[in-house]
Structure formats: structure tokens, C-alpha cells
Amino acid sequence: MGGSTSDTGNYIRIVGQNSKDTISAPKFLGLSLLNPSLARNSSFKHGANFAVAGSTVLNSSFYKAKNVTIPAINRPLRAQLQWLRSFLNPHCKSPSDYGKSIREVRNYVPYVVKETIQVTRARVDPVRIIQSDRFWGLPIGCAPRYLFNFKSNHTSAYDHEGCLKAFNHLVKYCNKLLRSALASLRREFPRATVLYGDYYGGYQHIFRSGSHLGFDRRSRLKACMGSGPPGVPVCLDPRRFISWDGLHLTQEAHRQITKFILKKISRKLIPFQSLILSCCSASPKGPLSLIETVYQLGDSTADAGNLIRITGSNSEDKVSARLPYGETLGKPTGRFSDGLLIVDYISKALGLPLLNPSLARNRSFEHGANFAVGGSTVLNSSFYKAKNVAVPATNTPLRAQLQWLRSFLNSTCKSLSDCAERLRRSLVIVGEMGSNDFFLSFLQGKSIREVRTYVPYVVQETIQELIQLGLSKVIVFGDYPIGCGPIYLSNFKSNDSSAYDDDDDGCLLAFNDFVQYRNNLVRSALASLRREFPRATVLFGDYYGGYQHILRNGSHLGFDRSSRLKACCGTGGPYNVNIGARCGSPGIPVCPDPSRFISWDGLHLTQEAHRRITEFILEQISPGLIRAT
């Protein structure tokens, strides 16, 4: 049910093919494959679409009393409900606003919500579970049609993204009332499943992350096709636009919003069906359960306690062995975070226990081991000695970690065939190794131009070592946008405003460009590896994209927008970072709620950031993992 945002053909069957209102018929957009309920000689085996473009929730008589003109073909929600007999999936839409003030239209909202809840209550069977999604409005203040019709000369009427604040506040008010009403409905019918479809949040997601998702940032407030008579121009590539005609969305926008909403509701709609949703809870069922072991290689972003077992008890590198590190877990574990890491969430998603550090004694390694060591590089220490770059004495480069893995397999496998079978059922993760190769070089005065020449060696070393091991399934992580990291922003700050991006992120452009160069080389090398070993599953972990996702959608995901470039644990300057006063040192303050921060100590991330990035990455790679098993 619904209006033009979900109508798949009822409207043109009501007005007639020759009506001027059939402008949408040739290229009407929609993701649903349901036939319109008024279609003849069509199959309705799997449901029907009762939506009619231009329809309201409240009856026409309500608006007549308010002197608001409604189309003669209006089929309000109650009328559409009368069409429905066995299944109902309504789509709410707030009334059109023609000449009425926002204050007056705001008064209509409780009636709209009440009508929606009443018709929902009428169809809920308290004996059996009914699954129903309730959708509400998008941020209309960002829609081209609203921006054009209700433009203002007052800059204060717009937010920093160019949207009309008052209209978006109206929709938020609608959403708040509807959420509250649905909560009451759930209490009244505890055995029913009543879900809220966050259309507003989905639109904001693609609006703010548009560039990453393939949309043209410059066109996010523009329509692909102007409204009017035949001959109105259409953009060359609708997939680059969010808005189709100024009011309705493009197919690609619908697809991305659907992904966003399903990701939020599918846990309750279809429990435990996807790997993405199991990353923080239940064990998977099906092909993914065939992955029995995980082996992790990496640096401090993946170290679960190896470094603190290498260094002496009085070493300053022992910070991860004492609070506040590990405070979310209730104790320090050697992880460079307040809690869990990405590898921990991947293990949970596969239904496996958390990996123990490989140097731990009297621990179980039945389901794999974590060989990562904080501060490690990809290339051997000799490479950096020749470049006059000092690396920690504890450096355990990738080649050494892989040798640990070989030794581990040789000591635990019964035979060569047993090792081959174990690797077939294993997943090897190479963390975003290389970050120390670059950070240590930058910190010791090397230019971006010079460090850029190291990148091919780092990538080549990674790939060569993987080939020699003969792996079956491997994930190789790219690096995150280091130009957004508090420690980079603090240590390499610039007085030149052009050094920072213009996306309201405040990140250092040159460092992010450097990482994208590195990530592109990794992607290319992995593509070559796939061609060389077509039976192996080689996946790229998009750490960069995951970090950007939470950076740009932080407020929606629960992060504090004002703290997105600050460290939770630290002190000094605008980024809470002072390399001479590290997190874990006496007297260094810690934020009261790490889950509101992306960065934990300026270099490493919080548990909540790790969880969100894992969700993002698993959404991308889980199809490849499923095929591999």
C-alpha cells in the first residue's frame, strides 16, 4: 500500500492512458515485482500492490474541511485497506502541503498516525505472528521539489547540507509519533512483529555517503528528470542521482535505501539469516558453519595480546595490558582498544570463539590462533634500516608471522593431507598491515612522496607470502583513511585550509590520497592473485569504506558528531592527542562513554567502531565467503 513512491501501475489504470497525469507510465520506477492490484490477467500468487500515486492517509473529507485540494483519484489508506483481503503491507505518506503553513500541517500529524495505527490494529491477529513494516517519510527538506517550491532568502532556513530545516523537523516529528504509537501496538500485541522502516535514516545514509555509494555529490539536491511536458531532459545516468523527478527517487536510491532498512529490520523479520546480522550475536547456520578455524596476521589493530607477551613487564608498550585498555570488557587483554576488535567480530559471525594470541600458554587453539603483534610492519626491519627509519625492537613483520603460522600447522597437523584439509576449512585474515610501515616513516620526517615509493614493496611482500602458504580462503584488509585519524591530524596539522577535504569531514587530503593509492594497488594485486589461483577465495576488506561509513553516518549510528575526530582516551589540542602523553599513562583522562567515539586512543578504534566497520565489511564480502564454502 502507499502513494506514488510504491505505485507500480494502479494510478495509470484509474486516470486512463490518455490523461496528462500518465507522464510516469513510460519509465515508472519501483523495486517491487508485485503486480498492481488493478491489473488484469496478472499473477497475484505472491501478493499484490494496492498503492495509488497521489493518495493520502486521511480521507479526502478531512482535507476538504481544511480547504486543501486532493486529487479526484485519491485512494486513501482506508480505501486501499478495503481492497486488501489476505495480506496487507501499508506504506504511510504524510499529506501534501499546498499553501498551508508547517505549523498547521503539523496539527494533522496525530490524525495521520492515529489512522495508521487503527487500520494496523484491525489486521493484527493476536494468535499468530504478523510481520509488518511501517514506512514513513523521507527528509522532504532535502527533496528538490520542496527546495524549489519553498525556497527561502534566509540562510538560517537551511542546514549545513543545504536542506530546509523546518520541513525536516516536521518529518522527524511525524516519525517520533509513529515510533511511539508502534511501541504501544507492540505492547498491546506482544506476539505480533511490528517493525518500523526507517525511510528517513535510509535517505540520510545515501545523502551523506553518496560519493562512496556511487552518487554524484554535486547532484544530490538535483532531480535527474525535470517535471513537465514531453521533451523534458533526462540526466545521462540516473544511477548517479538520488532524486528522479524532484519528488520520487531513482532505482539506485531505492536499492540503497532498501539495503539500509533491511539491514536494520531483517534480524527480527528473518532471525539469524545473514552473516552480517550474526556478527554480534548468534552462530550461523548453513555453509558458513563449514569455516572451522581462523588465523589472523597483523599489527596492533588485530593484536589480542602477543605484544605484551614479547615486551618486558616494565615496558611502555605494556599499555594495552592495563586499564583503561579493555575497560568495556571489564579487564585489559592486550587489545589496543576499549574492547573487541574486528577479528573478534568476524569470529563471532562465524560462530567461533574469540581467537587466543598465539604466544599465550595453556589456551585452546582448536579454532585458530591470532599471530598479530602490535607495532609490526609488512617489510622486514632491514628495509627500514636502509631508509634510516627506526622500527621497534619487537617488530614481527609479516614474513615472521607467516613462519609462526607454518610452525603452528606443522605441530598440530597429523599429515600433509590433514594440513591441506584444515586450510580448506580455514579463513586467514591479513589485517591492515602496512600502517606501521607508513606511520613510522612519516613520524621520522619522510615525505609522502618518498613513502609512496615503499608501497609497491609492501604490497608485493604481502601477496608473495600468501601465495607461498597455499591458502584457500583469505581476506586482505586495506588501510583506513589515516588523514581522518586524530594522531595524524595532530602530528601533521596544516595552516593551509586546502590541505583539508571539503566534505565537512576535516580530514587531511594528502594522507587519504596516499592510502587510496595503496588500497588500489592491493585491490589490483588481489585481482591478479584470483586469476592465478581461480579456486582460491581472495577477498578485500574495505577498511577505508567502513571507516568513512561510520565517519559520515556517525550521528545516525550513535556516535557523537562533535567527537568524531577526537580520541576518547587522551589529552591535548583539538583532537585529544599528545604523542608524549599516551592513553594508559598516569593521569590521562578517558571519555565517559567510548561507544560514542570512533577513535579510542588517536590511532586505534573503539569497540563500537570495530563493530560497525565489521558489519560494513561483512555485508560486502559475505557472498564471496558463502560461495567459497
Foldseek 3Di string as FASTA:
>chain_A
DEALQADPPPQCVVVDPPDPVCPCVPPRDHDDPAAAPPDPPDDQPPHHDLYYHQEAQDDPVVVVVVVDDGDPPHQHPVNSVVVDDDDDADEHEQDDDDPDDLVVSLVCLVVSLVSVLVSVVVPDDLPAADEYEYEYDAQLQLFLVCCVVPPDPDPVQADPLGGGPSSSVSRVSSVVVNVVSVVVVCVVRVNYHYHYQYLHLLLLLCLLCVVVLQADVVAASDAQFEDDDPPTDGHPDLLNYQHHHRRHGHNNSVVSSVVVRCVVCVCVVPNQADLLVQLPHAAHDDLLLLQQAEEEEAALLQDQAPQCVVDDPPDPLCLQQAPPNCVVVVGRRRRPANHDHLQCSNCSSNVHHGAEAPPDPPDDQRRHHYPYYHQEAQDDQVVVVVVVFDGDPPHQHPLNSLVVVVVVLVVPAPDPVSSVVNLLSHEYEYEQHHPSVPVSCVVVPHDLVVSLVCLVVSLVSVLVSVVVVPGAHYEYEADAQLQLFLVCCVPVPDPDPVQADPSPSRGGPSSSVSSVVSLVVNVVSQVVVCVVPVRGQYHYQYNHSLLSSCLSSVVVLQADNCLASAAQWACDDSRRADPVQWGSPPPTDGHPDLLNYQHHTRPHGYPNSSSSSSSVRCVVCVVSSSVSD
